Amino acid sequence: MTEIRALGYLGVHARSAEDWVAYGTGFLGLQLTDRGRSRASFRMDDRRQRLIVTEKDTGGAAFFGWEVTDASGLDSLAARLAACGAA
């Protein structure tokens, strides 16, 4: 079985990306790295982005980026997700 090492990044849908700018920087202590009309990206370390917020009418999780050990682990994880019906 593939070992997931870490959560690399997270994407969420939210009604207001602007609300997330205030929440992410003011409360969570994240650094705003990119701000578009309906999108905001944040970082917390040396990675380019860890959290991506996109405006949508419905909120919720949009995508997850998992870190695995190597290319073989990535192929194995992709196969497991496909077997479960994940796009």
PDB file of N, CA and C in Angstrom:
ATOM      1  N   MET A   1       0.835  -1.176   0.000  1.00  0.00           N
ATOM      2  CA  MET A   1       0.000   0.000   0.000  1.00  0.00           C
ATOM      3  C   MET A   1       0.887   1.249   0.000  1.00  0.00           C
ATOM      4  N   THR A   2       0.469   2.255  -0.715  1.00  0.00           N
ATOM      5  CA  THR A   2       1.203   3.503  -0.815  1.00  0.00           C
ATOM      6  C   THR A   2       1.145   4.269   0.501  1.00  0.00           C
ATOM      7  N   GLU A   3       2.284   4.768   0.902  1.00  0.00           N
ATOM      8  CA  GLU A   3       2.325   5.583   2.106  1.00  0.00           C
ATOM      9  C   GLU A   3       2.270   7.055   1.717  1.00  0.00           C
ATOM     10  N   ILE A   4       1.247   7.719   2.188  1.00  0.00           N
ATOM     11  CA  ILE A   4       1.145   9.161   1.989  1.00  0.00           C
ATOM     12  C   ILE A   4       2.014   9.816   3.047  1.00  0.00           C
ATOM     13  N   ARG A   5       2.926  10.675   2.596  1.00  0.00           N
ATOM     14  CA  ARG A   5       3.871  11.320   3.506  1.00  0.00           C
ATOM     15  C   ARG A   5       3.312  12.591   4.140  1.00  0.00           C
ATOM     16  N   ALA A   6       2.559  13.357   3.337  1.00  0.00           N
ATOM     17  CA  ALA A   6       2.063  14.636   3.851  1.00  0.00           C
ATOM     18  C   ALA A   6       0.994  15.185   2.926  1.00  0.00           C
ATOM     19  N   LEU A   7       0.230  16.100   3.441  1.00  0.00           N
ATOM     20  CA  LEU A   7      -0.691  16.877   2.626  1.00  0.00           C
ATOM     21  C   LEU A   7       0.119  18.017   2.036  1.00  0.00           C
ATOM     22  N   GLY A   8       0.243  18.053   0.712  1.00  0.00           N
ATOM     23  CA  GLY A   8       1.061  19.065   0.058  1.00  0.00           C
ATOM     24  C   GLY A   8       0.343  20.382  -0.119  1.00  0.00           C
ATOM     25  N   TYR A   9      -0.917  20.320  -0.540  1.00  0.00           N
ATOM     26  CA  TYR A   9      -1.706  21.532  -0.731  1.00  0.00           C
ATOM     27  C   TYR A   9      -3.178  21.183  -0.694  1.00  0.00           C
ATOM     28  N   LEU A  10      -4.001  22.220  -0.563  1.00  0.00           N
ATOM     29  CA  LEU A  10      -5.440  22.044  -0.424  1.00  0.00           C
ATOM     30  C   LEU A  10      -6.138  23.140  -1.219  1.00  0.00           C
ATOM     31  N   GLY A  11      -7.156  22.766  -1.948  1.00  0.00           N
ATOM     32  CA  GLY A  11      -7.987  23.728  -2.662  1.00  0.00           C
ATOM     33  C   GLY A  11      -9.394  23.700  -2.105  1.00  0.00           C
ATOM     34  N   VAL A  12      -9.958  24.875  -1.893  1.00  0.00           N
ATOM     35  CA  VAL A  12     -11.328  24.968  -1.397  1.00  0.00           C
ATOM     36  C   VAL A  12     -12.133  25.931  -2.254  1.00  0.00           C
ATOM     37  N   HIS A  13     -13.418  25.669  -2.321  1.00  0.00           N
ATOM     38  CA  HIS A  13     -14.367  26.599  -2.935  1.00  0.00           C
ATOM     39  C   HIS A  13     -15.021  27.382  -1.810  1.00  0.00           C
ATOM     40  N   ALA A  14     -15.167  28.677  -2.013  1.00  0.00           N
ATOM     41  CA  ALA A  14     -15.766  29.535  -0.990  1.00  0.00           C
ATOM     42  C   ALA A  14     -16.609  30.601  -1.667  1.00  0.00           C
ATOM     43  N   ARG A  15     -17.589  31.090  -0.974  1.00  0.00           N
ATOM     44  CA  ARG A  15     -18.434  32.144  -1.542  1.00  0.00           C
ATOM     45  C   ARG A  15     -17.670  33.450  -1.715  1.00  0.00           C
ATOM     46  N   SER A  16     -16.663  33.689  -0.871  1.00  0.00           N
ATOM     47  CA  SER A  16     -15.903  34.939  -0.958  1.00  0.00           C
ATOM     48  C   SER A  16     -14.418  34.666  -0.760  1.00  0.00           C
ATOM     49  N   ALA A  17     -13.645  34.837  -1.816  1.00  0.00           N
ATOM     50  CA  ALA A  17     -12.187  34.721  -1.686  1.00  0.00           C
ATOM     51  C   ALA A  17     -11.652  35.859  -0.830  1.00  0.00           C
ATOM     52  N   GLU A  18     -12.289  37.007  -0.902  1.00  0.00           N
ATOM     53  CA  GLU A  18     -11.849  38.168  -0.112  1.00  0.00           C
ATOM     54  C   GLU A  18     -11.943  37.892   1.389  1.00  0.00           C
ATOM     55  N   ASP A  19     -12.995  37.215   1.820  1.00  0.00           N
ATOM     56  CA  ASP A  19     -13.097  36.837   3.232  1.00  0.00           C
ATOM     57  C   ASP A  19     -11.933  35.941   3.636  1.00  0.00           C
ATOM     58  N   TRP A  20     -11.528  35.062   2.730  1.00  0.00           N
ATOM     59  CA  TRP A  20     -10.408  34.173   3.004  1.00  0.00           C
ATOM     60  C   TRP A  20      -9.092  34.930   3.084  1.00  0.00           C
ATOM     61  N   VAL A  21      -8.955  36.018   2.345  1.00  0.00           N
ATOM     62  CA  VAL A  21      -7.734  36.814   2.437  1.00  0.00           C
ATOM     63  C   VAL A  21      -7.568  37.323   3.868  1.00  0.00           C
ATOM     64  N   ALA A  22      -8.623  37.893   4.422  1.00  0.00           N
ATOM     65  CA  ALA A  22      -8.578  38.391   5.798  1.00  0.00           C
ATOM     66  C   ALA A  22      -8.364  37.254   6.797  1.00  0.00           C
ATOM     67  N   TYR A  23      -9.063  36.152   6.607  1.00  0.00           N
ATOM     68  CA  TYR A  23      -8.967  35.003   7.519  1.00  0.00           C
ATOM     69  C   TYR A  23      -7.593  34.342   7.425  1.00  0.00           C
ATOM     70  N   GLY A  24      -7.137  34.115   6.203  1.00  0.00           N
ATOM     71  CA  GLY A  24      -5.862  33.423   6.008  1.00  0.00           C
ATOM     72  C   GLY A  24      -4.672  34.207   6.538  1.00  0.00           C
ATOM     73  N   THR A  25      -4.645  35.501   6.256  1.00  0.00           N
ATOM     74  CA  THR A  25      -3.508  36.308   6.703  1.00  0.00           C
ATOM     75  C   THR A  25      -3.652  36.758   8.158  1.00  0.00           C
ATOM     76  N   GLY A  26      -4.845  37.187   8.539  1.00  0.00           N
ATOM     77  CA  GLY A  26      -5.047  37.731   9.877  1.00  0.00           C
ATOM     78  C   GLY A  26      -5.161  36.704  10.976  1.00  0.00           C
ATOM     79  N   PHE A  27      -5.851  35.599  10.727  1.00  0.00           N
ATOM     80  CA  PHE A  27      -6.098  34.606  11.768  1.00  0.00           C
ATOM     81  C   PHE A  27      -5.159  33.412  11.670  1.00  0.00           C
ATOM     82  N   LEU A  28      -4.973  32.876  10.450  1.00  0.00           N
ATOM     83  CA  LEU A  28      -4.139  31.689  10.284  1.00  0.00           C
ATOM     84  C   LEU A  28      -2.651  32.015  10.161  1.00  0.00           C
ATOM     85  N   GLY A  29      -2.326  33.264   9.865  1.00  0.00           N
ATOM     86  CA  GLY A  29      -0.928  33.650   9.755  1.00  0.00           C
ATOM     87  C   GLY A  29      -0.267  33.234   8.453  1.00  0.00           C
ATOM     88  N   LEU A  30      -1.071  33.006   7.414  1.00  0.00           N
ATOM     89  CA  LEU A  30      -0.531  32.613   6.116  1.00  0.00           C
ATOM     90  C   LEU A  30      -0.103  33.850   5.335  1.00  0.00           C
ATOM     91  N   GLN A  31       0.769  33.649   4.371  1.00  0.00           N
ATOM     92  CA  GLN A  31       1.195  34.730   3.488  1.00  0.00           C
ATOM     93  C   GLN A  31       0.409  34.653   2.192  1.00  0.00           C
ATOM     94  N   LEU A  32      -0.218  35.737   1.796  1.00  0.00           N
ATOM     95  CA  LEU A  32      -0.934  35.802   0.527  1.00  0.00           C
ATOM     96  C   LEU A  32       0.095  35.852  -0.596  1.00  0.00           C
ATOM     97  N   THR A  33       0.033  34.919  -1.534  1.00  0.00           N
ATOM     98  CA  THR A  33       1.015  34.872  -2.619  1.00  0.00           C
ATOM     99  C   THR A  33       0.440  35.258  -3.970  1.00  0.00           C
ATOM    100  N   ASP A  34      -0.871  35.155  -4.123  1.00  0.00           N
ATOM    101  CA  ASP A  34      -1.492  35.489  -5.397  1.00  0.00           C
ATOM    102  C   ASP A  34      -2.944  35.844  -5.136  1.00  0.00           C
ATOM    103  N   ARG A  35      -3.407  36.908  -5.782  1.00  0.00           N
ATOM    104  CA  ARG A  35      -4.807  37.318  -5.620  1.00  0.00           C
ATOM    105  C   ARG A  35      -5.358  37.701  -6.974  1.00  0.00           C
ATOM    106  N   GLY A  36      -6.324  36.939  -7.427  1.00  0.00           N
ATOM    107  CA  GLY A  36      -7.024  37.256  -8.655  1.00  0.00           C
ATOM    108  C   GLY A  36      -8.413  37.750  -8.340  1.00  0.00           C
ATOM    109  N   ARG A  37      -9.215  37.940  -9.359  1.00  0.00           N
ATOM    110  CA  ARG A  37     -10.583  38.432  -9.156  1.00  0.00           C
ATOM    111  C   ARG A  37     -11.421  37.458  -8.330  1.00  0.00           C
ATOM    112  N   SER A  38     -11.217  36.163  -8.530  1.00  0.00           N
ATOM    113  CA  SER A  38     -12.032  35.174  -7.818  1.00  0.00           C
ATOM    114  C   SER A  38     -11.173  34.050  -7.243  1.00  0.00           C
ATOM    115  N   ARG A  39      -9.921  34.356  -6.929  1.00  0.00           N
ATOM    116  CA  ARG A  39      -9.018  33.329  -6.425  1.00  0.00           C
ATOM    117  C   ARG A  39      -7.964  33.959  -5.524  1.00  0.00           C
ATOM    118  N   ALA A  40      -7.549  33.205  -4.501  1.00  0.00           N
ATOM    119  CA  ALA A  40      -6.472  33.635  -3.618  1.00  0.00           C
ATOM    120  C   ALA A  40      -5.612  32.425  -3.273  1.00  0.00           C
ATOM    121  N   SER A  41      -4.314  32.616  -3.253  1.00  0.00           N
ATOM    122  CA  SER A  41      -3.374  31.550  -2.900  1.00  0.00           C
ATOM    123  C   SER A  41      -2.535  31.990  -1.712  1.00  0.00           C
ATOM    124  N   PHE A  42      -2.239  31.024  -0.850  1.00  0.00           N
ATOM    125  CA  PHE A  42      -1.496  31.305   0.378  1.00  0.00           C
ATOM    126  C   PHE A  42      -0.351  30.319   0.546  1.00  0.00           C
ATOM    127  N   ARG A  43       0.656  30.749   1.291  1.00  0.00           N
ATOM    128  CA  ARG A  43       1.756  29.858   1.651  1.00  0.00           C
ATOM    129  C   ARG A  43       2.045  29.994   3.132  1.00  0.00           C
ATOM    130  N   MET A  44       2.745  28.984   3.662  1.00  0.00           N
ATOM    131  CA  MET A  44       3.107  29.003   5.075  1.00  0.00           C
ATOM    132  C   MET A  44       4.562  28.610   5.293  1.00  0.00           C
ATOM    133  N   ASP A  45       5.246  28.267   4.203  1.00  0.00           N
ATOM    134  CA  ASP A  45       6.633  27.836   4.282  1.00  0.00           C
ATOM    135  C   ASP A  45       7.307  28.156   2.954  1.00  0.00           C
ATOM    136  N   ASP A  46       8.322  27.417   2.573  1.00  0.00           N
ATOM    137  CA  ASP A  46       9.052  27.722   1.350  1.00  0.00           C
ATOM    138  C   ASP A  46       8.357  27.243   0.076  1.00  0.00           C
ATOM    139  N   ARG A  47       7.271  26.528   0.198  1.00  0.00           N
ATOM    140  CA  ARG A  47       6.516  26.095  -0.986  1.00  0.00           C
ATOM    141  C   ARG A  47       5.768  27.271  -1.580  1.00  0.00           C
ATOM    142  N   ARG A  48       5.520  27.222  -2.895  1.00  0.00           N
ATOM    143  CA  ARG A  48       4.867  28.326  -3.610  1.00  0.00           C
ATOM    144  C   ARG A  48       3.461  28.602  -3.071  1.00  0.00           C
ATOM    145  N   GLN A  49       2.719  27.527  -2.804  1.00  0.00           N
ATOM    146  CA  GLN A  49       1.369  27.690  -2.269  1.00  0.00           C
ATOM    147  C   GLN A  49       0.954  26.422  -1.549  1.00  0.00           C
ATOM    148  N   ARG A  50       0.184  26.603  -0.503  1.00  0.00           N
ATOM    149  CA  ARG A  50      -0.339  25.475   0.275  1.00  0.00           C
ATOM    150  C   ARG A  50      -1.867  25.467   0.288  1.00  0.00           C
ATOM    151  N   LEU A  51      -2.467  26.628   0.132  1.00  0.00           N
ATOM    152  CA  LEU A  51      -3.923  26.751   0.153  1.00  0.00           C
ATOM    153  C   LEU A  51      -4.353  27.615  -1.024  1.00  0.00           C
ATOM    154  N   ILE A  52      -5.292  27.105  -1.822  1.00  0.00           N
ATOM    155  CA  ILE A  52      -5.832  27.835  -2.962  1.00  0.00           C
ATOM    156  C   ILE A  52      -7.338  27.935  -2.769  1.00  0.00           C
ATOM    157  N   VAL A  53      -7.858  29.151  -2.736  1.00  0.00           N
ATOM    158  CA  VAL A  53      -9.287  29.393  -2.540  1.00  0.00           C
ATOM    159  C   VAL A  53      -9.857  29.977  -3.825  1.00  0.00           C
ATOM    160  N   THR A  54     -10.910  29.350  -4.330  1.00  0.00           N
ATOM    161  CA  THR A  54     -11.574  29.810  -5.546  1.00  0.00           C
ATOM    162  C   THR A  54     -13.035  30.097  -5.229  1.00  0.00           C
ATOM    163  N   GLU A  55     -13.520  31.239  -5.698  1.00  0.00           N
ATOM    164  CA  GLU A  55     -14.920  31.594  -5.450  1.00  0.00           C
ATOM    165  C   GLU A  55     -15.860  30.706  -6.263  1.00  0.00           C
ATOM    166  N   LYS A  56     -16.836  30.148  -5.565  1.00  0.00           N
ATOM    167  CA  LYS A  56     -17.923  29.357  -6.151  1.00  0.00           C
ATOM    168  C   LYS A  56     -19.161  29.600  -5.307  1.00  0.00           C
ATOM    169  N   ASP A  57     -20.313  29.354  -5.885  1.00  0.00           N
ATOM    170  CA  ASP A  57     -21.559  29.532  -5.131  1.00  0.00           C
ATOM    171  C   ASP A  57     -21.692  28.543  -3.985  1.00  0.00           C
ATOM    172  N   THR A  58     -21.108  27.390  -4.160  1.00  0.00           N
ATOM    173  CA  THR A  58     -21.149  26.379  -3.109  1.00  0.00           C
ATOM    174  C   THR A  58     -19.756  26.206  -2.539  1.00  0.00           C
ATOM    175  N   GLY A  59     -19.662  26.121  -1.240  1.00  0.00           N
ATOM    176  CA  GLY A  59     -18.370  25.945  -0.592  1.00  0.00           C
ATOM    177  C   GLY A  59     -18.009  24.485  -0.451  1.00  0.00           C
ATOM    178  N   GLY A  60     -16.776  24.241  -0.077  1.00  0.00           N
ATOM    179  CA  GLY A  60     -16.337  22.883   0.190  1.00  0.00           C
ATOM    180  C   GLY A  60     -14.971  22.587  -0.393  1.00  0.00           C
ATOM    181  N   ALA A  61     -14.526  21.374  -0.156  1.00  0.00           N
ATOM    182  CA  ALA A  61     -13.223  20.934  -0.658  1.00  0.00           C
ATOM    183  C   ALA A  61     -13.258  20.838  -2.178  1.00  0.00           C
ATOM    184  N   ALA A  62     -12.210  21.313  -2.828  1.00  0.00           N
ATOM    185  CA  ALA A  62     -12.114  21.260  -4.283  1.00  0.00           C
ATOM    186  C   ALA A  62     -11.096  20.208  -4.722  1.00  0.00           C
ATOM    187  N   PHE A  63      -9.931  20.187  -4.070  1.00  0.00           N
ATOM    188  CA  PHE A  63      -8.892  19.212  -4.411  1.00  0.00           C
ATOM    189  C   PHE A  63      -7.870  19.126  -3.289  1.00  0.00           C
ATOM    190  N   PHE A  64      -7.130  18.024  -3.307  1.00  0.00           N
ATOM    191  CA  PHE A  64      -6.068  17.767  -2.347  1.00  0.00           C
ATOM    192  C   PHE A  64      -4.816  17.381  -3.109  1.00  0.00           C
ATOM    193  N   GLY A  65      -3.675  17.805  -2.651  1.00  0.00           N
ATOM    194  CA  GLY A  65      -2.406  17.391  -3.226  1.00  0.00           C
ATOM    195  C   GLY A  65      -1.611  16.635  -2.180  1.00  0.00           C
ATOM    196  N   TRP A  66      -1.431  15.344  -2.399  1.00  0.00           N
ATOM    197  CA  TRP A  66      -0.741  14.499  -1.426  1.00  0.00           C
ATOM    198  C   TRP A  66       0.716  14.316  -1.823  1.00  0.00           C
ATOM    199  N   GLU A  67       1.595  14.232  -0.848  1.00  0.00           N
ATOM    200  CA  GLU A  67       3.004  13.962  -1.086  1.00  0.00           C
ATOM    201  C   GLU A  67       3.278  12.494  -0.776  1.00  0.00           C
ATOM    202  N   VAL A  68       3.977  11.849  -1.702  1.00  0.00           N
ATOM    203  CA  VAL A  68       4.386  10.455  -1.534  1.00  0.00           C
ATOM    204  C   VAL A  68       5.902  10.377  -1.672  1.00  0.00           C
ATOM    205  N   THR A  69       6.454   9.212  -1.430  1.00  0.00           N
ATOM    206  CA  THR A  69       7.903   9.053  -1.393  1.00  0.00           C
ATOM    207  C   THR A  69       8.578   9.223  -2.748  1.00  0.00           C
ATOM    208  N   ASP A  70       7.990   8.642  -3.808  1.00  0.00           N
ATOM    209  CA  ASP A  70       8.656   8.661  -5.107  1.00  0.00           C
ATOM    210  C   ASP A  70       7.637   8.482  -6.230  1.00  0.00           C
ATOM    211  N   ALA A  71       8.119   8.408  -7.469  1.00  0.00           N
ATOM    212  CA  ALA A  71       7.240   8.282  -8.637  1.00  0.00           C
ATOM    213  C   ALA A  71       6.424   6.995  -8.579  1.00  0.00           C
ATOM    214  N   SER A  72       7.012   5.940  -8.089  1.00  0.00           N
ATOM    215  CA  SER A  72       6.286   4.675  -7.953  1.00  0.00           C
ATOM    216  C   SER A  72       5.123   4.818  -6.969  1.00  0.00           C
ATOM    217  N   GLY A  73       5.370   5.520  -5.873  1.00  0.00           N
ATOM    218  CA  GLY A  73       4.315   5.773  -4.899  1.00  0.00           C
ATOM    219  C   GLY A  73       3.204   6.616  -5.481  1.00  0.00           C
ATOM    220  N   LEU A  74       3.571   7.582  -6.327  1.00  0.00           N
ATOM    221  CA  LEU A  74       2.572   8.423  -6.982  1.00  0.00           C
ATOM    222  C   LEU A  74       1.702   7.598  -7.924  1.00  0.00           C
ATOM    223  N   ASP A  75       2.320   6.717  -8.703  1.00  0.00           N
ATOM    224  CA  ASP A  75       1.564   5.840  -9.604  1.00  0.00           C
ATOM    225  C   ASP A  75       0.617   4.934  -8.822  1.00  0.00           C
ATOM    226  N   SER A  76       1.104   4.415  -7.711  1.00  0.00           N
ATOM    227  CA  SER A  76       0.282   3.533  -6.876  1.00  0.00           C
ATOM    228  C   SER A  76      -0.902   4.289  -6.271  1.00  0.00           C
ATOM    229  N   LEU A  77      -0.654   5.498  -5.783  1.00  0.00           N
ATOM    230  CA  LEU A  77      -1.735   6.295  -5.207  1.00  0.00           C
ATOM    231  C   LEU A  77      -2.765   6.662  -6.270  1.00  0.00           C
ATOM    232  N   ALA A  78      -2.299   7.031  -7.453  1.00  0.00           N
ATOM    233  CA  ALA A  78      -3.219   7.352  -8.552  1.00  0.00           C
ATOM    234  C   ALA A  78      -4.091   6.155  -8.895  1.00  0.00           C
ATOM    235  N   ALA A  79      -3.517   4.972  -8.908  1.00  0.00           N
ATOM    236  CA  ALA A  79      -4.291   3.757  -9.199  1.00  0.00           C
ATOM    237  C   ALA A  79      -5.323   3.498  -8.104  1.00  0.00           C
ATOM    238  N   ARG A  80      -4.951   3.698  -6.841  1.00  0.00           N
ATOM    239  CA  ARG A  80      -5.899   3.504  -5.741  1.00  0.00           C
ATOM    240  C   ARG A  80      -7.058   4.484  -5.848  1.00  0.00           C
ATOM    241  N   LEU A  81      -6.755   5.739  -6.147  1.00  0.00           N
ATOM    242  CA  LEU A  81      -7.808   6.738  -6.276  1.00  0.00           C
ATOM    243  C   LEU A  81      -8.725   6.435  -7.449  1.00  0.00           C
ATOM    244  N   ALA A  82      -8.150   6.020  -8.576  1.00  0.00           N
ATOM    245  CA  ALA A  82      -8.955   5.669  -9.750  1.00  0.00           C
ATOM    246  C   ALA A  82      -9.858   4.484  -9.447  1.00  0.00           C
ATOM    247  N   ALA A  83      -9.360   3.507  -8.705  1.00  0.00           N
ATOM    248  CA  ALA A  83     -10.161   2.341  -8.342  1.00  0.00           C
ATOM    249  C   ALA A  83     -11.346   2.713  -7.455  1.00  0.00           C
ATOM    250  N   CYS A  84     -11.215   3.812  -6.722  1.00  0.00           N
ATOM    251  CA  CYS A  84     -12.305   4.289  -5.863  1.00  0.00           C
ATOM    252  C   CYS A  84     -13.259   5.222  -6.608  1.00  0.00           C
ATOM    253  N   GLY A  85     -12.937   5.526  -7.865  1.00  0.00           N
ATOM    254  CA  GLY A  85     -13.789   6.383  -8.646  1.00  0.00           C
ATOM    255  C   GLY A  85     -13.439   7.869  -8.576  1.00  0.00           C
ATOM    256  N   ALA A  86     -12.302   8.201  -7.968  1.00  0.00           N
ATOM    257  CA  ALA A  86     -11.880   9.612  -7.889  1.00  0.00           C
ATOM    258  C   ALA A  86     -11.305  10.058  -9.226  1.00  0.00           C
ATOM    259  N   ALA A  87     -11.658  11.263  -9.618  1.00  0.00           N
ATOM    260  CA  ALA A  87     -11.132  11.804 -10.895  1.00  0.00           C
ATOM    261  C   ALA A  87      -9.697  12.226 -10.726  1.00  0.00           C
TER     262      ALA A  87
END
